[in-house]
C-alpha atoms as a PDB file:
ATOM      1  CA  MET A   1     -22.588   6.630 -13.957  1.00  0.00           C
ATOM      2  CA  LYS A   2     -22.336   7.193 -10.204  1.00  0.00           C
ATOM      3  CA  VAL A   3     -18.761   7.944  -8.771  1.00  0.00           C
ATOM      4  CA  SER A   4     -19.710   5.291  -6.162  1.00  0.00           C
ATOM      5  CA  PHE A   5     -20.134   2.691  -8.733  1.00  0.00           C
ATOM      6  CA  LEU A   6     -17.251   3.629 -10.659  1.00  0.00           C
ATOM      7  CA  SER A   7     -14.982   3.741  -7.696  1.00  0.00           C
ATOM      8  CA  PHE A   8     -16.428   0.119  -6.505  1.00  0.00           C
ATOM      9  CA  ILE A   9     -15.390  -1.262 -10.254  1.00  0.00           C
ATOM     10  CA  LEU A  10     -12.081   0.338  -9.932  1.00  0.00           C
ATOM     11  CA  VAL A  11     -11.316  -1.101  -6.481  1.00  0.00           C
ATOM     12  CA  LEU A  12     -12.708  -4.445  -7.688  1.00  0.00           C
ATOM     13  CA  LEU A  13     -10.170  -4.488 -10.550  1.00  0.00           C
ATOM     14  CA  LEU A  14      -7.506  -3.433  -8.284  1.00  0.00           C
ATOM     15  CA  PHE A  15      -8.369  -6.287  -6.099  1.00  0.00           C
ATOM     16  CA  PHE A  16      -8.291  -9.001  -8.827  1.00  0.00           C
ATOM     17  CA  LEU A  17      -4.673  -7.271  -9.831  1.00  0.00           C
ATOM     18  CA  VAL A  18      -3.495  -7.912  -6.282  1.00  0.00           C
ATOM     19  CA  ILE A  19      -4.686 -11.399  -6.098  1.00  0.00           C
ATOM     20  CA  GLU A  20      -3.317 -12.283  -9.418  1.00  0.00           C
ATOM     21  CA  SER A  21       0.125 -10.576  -8.790  1.00  0.00           C
ATOM     22  CA  VAL A  22       0.205 -12.894  -5.750  1.00  0.00           C
ATOM     23  CA  ARG A  23      -0.594 -15.956  -7.710  1.00  0.00           C
ATOM     24  CA  ARG A  24       2.115 -15.337 -10.142  1.00  0.00           C
ATOM     25  CA  GLY A  25       4.654 -14.483  -7.489  1.00  0.00           C
ATOM     26  CA  LEU A  26       5.097 -10.827  -8.499  1.00  0.00           C
ATOM     27  CA  LEU A  27       3.748  -9.663  -5.062  1.00  0.00           C
ATOM     28  CA  GLU A  28       4.541 -11.251  -1.418  1.00  0.00           C
ATOM     29  CA  THR A  29       1.807 -12.192   0.478  1.00  0.00           C
ATOM     30  CA  LYS A  30       2.739 -10.202   3.443  1.00  0.00           C
ATOM     31  CA  TYR A  31       2.824  -6.982   1.287  1.00  0.00           C
ATOM     32  CA  SER A  32      -0.507  -7.960  -0.196  1.00  0.00           C
ATOM     33  CA  LEU A  33      -2.478  -7.826   3.059  1.00  0.00           C
ATOM     34  CA  LEU A  34      -2.473  -4.232   3.106  1.00  0.00           C
ATOM     35  CA  TRP A  35      -3.772  -3.887  -0.493  1.00  0.00           C
ATOM     36  CA  ILE A  36      -6.566  -6.468   0.032  1.00  0.00           C
ATOM     37  CA  ILE A  37      -7.722  -4.808   3.454  1.00  0.00           C
ATOM     38  CA  THR A  38      -7.978  -1.556   1.711  1.00  0.00           C
ATOM     39  CA  CYS A  39      -9.916  -2.926  -1.405  1.00  0.00           C
ATOM     40  CA  VAL A  40     -12.264  -4.586   0.789  1.00  0.00           C
ATOM     41  CA  PHE A  41     -12.636  -1.330   3.124  1.00  0.00           C
ATOM     42  CA  MET A  42     -12.996   0.751  -0.180  1.00  0.00           C
ATOM     43  CA  ALA A  43     -15.506  -1.638  -1.667  1.00  0.00           C
ATOM     44  CA  ILE A  44     -17.738  -1.355   1.370  1.00  0.00           C
ATOM     45  CA  LEU A  45     -17.593   2.291   1.408  1.00  0.00           C
ATOM     46  CA  SER A  46     -18.397   2.376  -2.275  1.00  0.00           C
ATOM     47  CA  LEU A  47     -21.401   0.236  -1.835  1.00  0.00           C
ATOM     48  CA  ASN A  48     -22.933   1.749   1.300  1.00  0.00           C
ATOM     49  CA  GLU A  49     -24.090   5.292   0.330  1.00  0.00           C
ATOM     50  CA  LYS A  50     -25.960   5.769   3.486  1.00  0.00           C
ATOM     51  CA  PHE A  51     -22.758   5.190   5.657  1.00  0.00           C
ATOM     52  CA  ILE A  52     -20.533   7.322   3.207  1.00  0.00           C
ATOM     53  CA  ASN A  53     -23.012  10.014   3.242  1.00  0.00           C
ATOM     54  CA  THR A  54     -23.338  10.108   7.168  1.00  0.00           C
ATOM     55  CA  LEU A  55     -19.442   9.798   7.298  1.00  0.00           C
ATOM     56  CA  ALA A  56     -19.226  12.732   4.976  1.00  0.00           C
ATOM     57  CA  LYS A  57     -21.655  14.944   6.845  1.00  0.00           C
ATOM     58  CA  TRP A  58     -19.837  14.275  10.149  1.00  0.00           C
ATOM     59  CA  VAL A  59     -16.458  15.041   8.684  1.00  0.00           C
ATOM     60  CA  GLY A  60     -17.948  18.270   6.876  1.00  0.00           C
ATOM     61  CA  ILE A  61     -17.433  17.179   3.351  1.00  0.00           C
ATOM     62  CA  VAL A  62     -20.186  18.349   1.130  1.00  0.00           C
ATOM     63  CA  TYR A  63     -19.993  15.806  -1.890  1.00  0.00           C
ATOM     64  CA  ALA A  64     -20.034  12.633   0.028  1.00  0.00           C
ATOM     65  CA  PRO A  65     -18.184  10.337  -2.960  1.00  0.00           C
ATOM     66  CA  SER A  66     -15.318  12.518  -2.535  1.00  0.00           C
ATOM     67  CA  MET A  67     -14.726  10.647   0.951  1.00  0.00           C
ATOM     68  CA  LEU A  68     -13.650   7.664  -1.201  1.00  0.00           C
ATOM     69  CA  PHE A  69     -10.905   9.630  -2.969  1.00  0.00           C
ATOM     70  CA  LEU A  70      -9.777  10.946   0.536  1.00  0.00           C
ATOM     71  CA  PHE A  71      -9.373   7.395   1.877  1.00  0.00           C
ATOM     72  CA  GLY A  72      -7.387   6.540  -1.229  1.00  0.00           C
ATOM     73  CA  LEU A  73      -5.294   9.482  -0.726  1.00  0.00           C
ATOM     74  CA  LEU A  74      -4.700   8.643   2.863  1.00  0.00           C
ATOM     75  CA  PHE A  75      -4.004   5.114   1.809  1.00  0.00           C
ATOM     76  CA  ALA A  76      -1.515   6.165  -0.615  1.00  0.00           C
ATOM     77  CA  ILE A  77       0.215   8.259   2.112  1.00  0.00           C
ATOM     78  CA  LEU A  78       0.472   5.255   4.405  1.00  0.00           C
ATOM     79  CA  LEU A  79       1.959   3.178   1.801  1.00  0.00           C
ATOM     80  CA  ILE A  80       4.518   5.720   0.589  1.00  0.00           C
ATOM     81  CA  PHE A  81       5.538   5.838   4.341  1.00  0.00           C
ATOM     82  CA  ASP A  82       5.797   2.274   4.875  1.00  0.00           C
ATOM     83  CA  LEU A  83       7.789   1.654   1.714  1.00  0.00           C
ATOM     84  CA  THR A  84      10.078   4.603   2.774  1.00  0.00           C
ATOM     85  CA  ARG A  85      10.549   2.981   6.090  1.00  0.00           C
ATOM     86  CA  ARG A  86      11.578  -0.254   4.378  1.00  0.00           C
ATOM     87  CA  VAL A  87      13.794   1.421   1.990  1.00  0.00           C
ATOM     88  CA  SER A  88      15.528   2.913   4.781  1.00  0.00           C
ATOM     89  CA  LYS A  89      15.958  -0.415   6.632  1.00  0.00           C
ATOM     90  CA  LEU A  90      17.334  -2.198   3.643  1.00  0.00           C
ATOM     91  CA  ASN A  91      19.755   0.814   3.030  1.00  0.00           C
ATOM     92  CA  LYS A  92      21.040   0.530   6.625  1.00  0.00           C
ATOM     93  CA  GLU A  93      21.506  -3.160   6.003  1.00  0.00           C
ATOM     94  CA  LEU A  94      23.303  -2.960   2.728  1.00  0.00           C
ATOM     95  CA  THR A  95      25.735  -0.276   4.380  1.00  0.00           C
ATOM     96  CA  GLN A  96      26.469  -2.716   7.155  1.00  0.00           C
ATOM     97  CA  LEU A  97      26.950  -5.819   4.674  1.00  0.00           C
ATOM     98  CA  ALA A  98      29.244  -3.561   2.337  1.00  0.00           C
ATOM     99  CA  GLN A  99      31.518  -2.578   5.574  1.00  0.00           C
ATOM    100  CA  GLU A 100      31.482  -6.262   6.732  1.00  0.00           C
ATOM    101  CA  HIS A 101      32.243  -7.386   3.044  1.00  0.00           C
ATOM    102  CA  ALA A 102      35.175  -4.595   3.010  1.00  0.00           C
ATOM    103  CA  ILE A 103      36.581  -5.698   6.366  1.00  0.00           C
ATOM    104  CA  LEU A 104      36.500  -9.400   5.532  1.00  0.00           C
ATOM    105  CA  LYS A 105      38.153  -8.480   1.893  1.00  0.00           C
ATOM    106  CA  GLU A 106      40.943  -6.740   3.752  1.00  0.00           C
ATOM    107  CA  LYS A 107      41.493  -9.464   6.250  1.00  0.00           C
ATOM    108  CA  ILE A 108      41.921 -11.905   3.223  1.00  0.00           C
ATOM    109  CA  GLU A 109      44.300  -9.749   1.388  1.00  0.00           C
ATOM    110  CA  LYS A 110      46.500  -9.701   4.493  1.00  0.00           C
ATOM    111  CA  LYS A 111      46.765 -13.332   4.937  1.00  0.00           C
ATOM    112  CA  ASP A 112      47.860 -13.758   1.194  1.00  0.00           C
END
């Protein structure tokens, strides 16, 4: 089995997993867009051997299907960065809410 075909099958399975997760409400639509775009991009790369060979030659990669794994790795790095950014934002909001809660609790206790 060719690596390109195997990667296409895996991308297709991931695509259906993302769609099913959105349908069941496990994944919000705004987060699924990045996954769907990546699946479409990776599927196009998997099916178009001429393009992937040309791109690999241009980048200097000897084994062209490994470009798919390179793009997958780059996507994972981008996703991890995006999630880290979101966690940092939520952490700041949580700290602010905890401080506001403590201030309000202290005001209520002073009134009693």
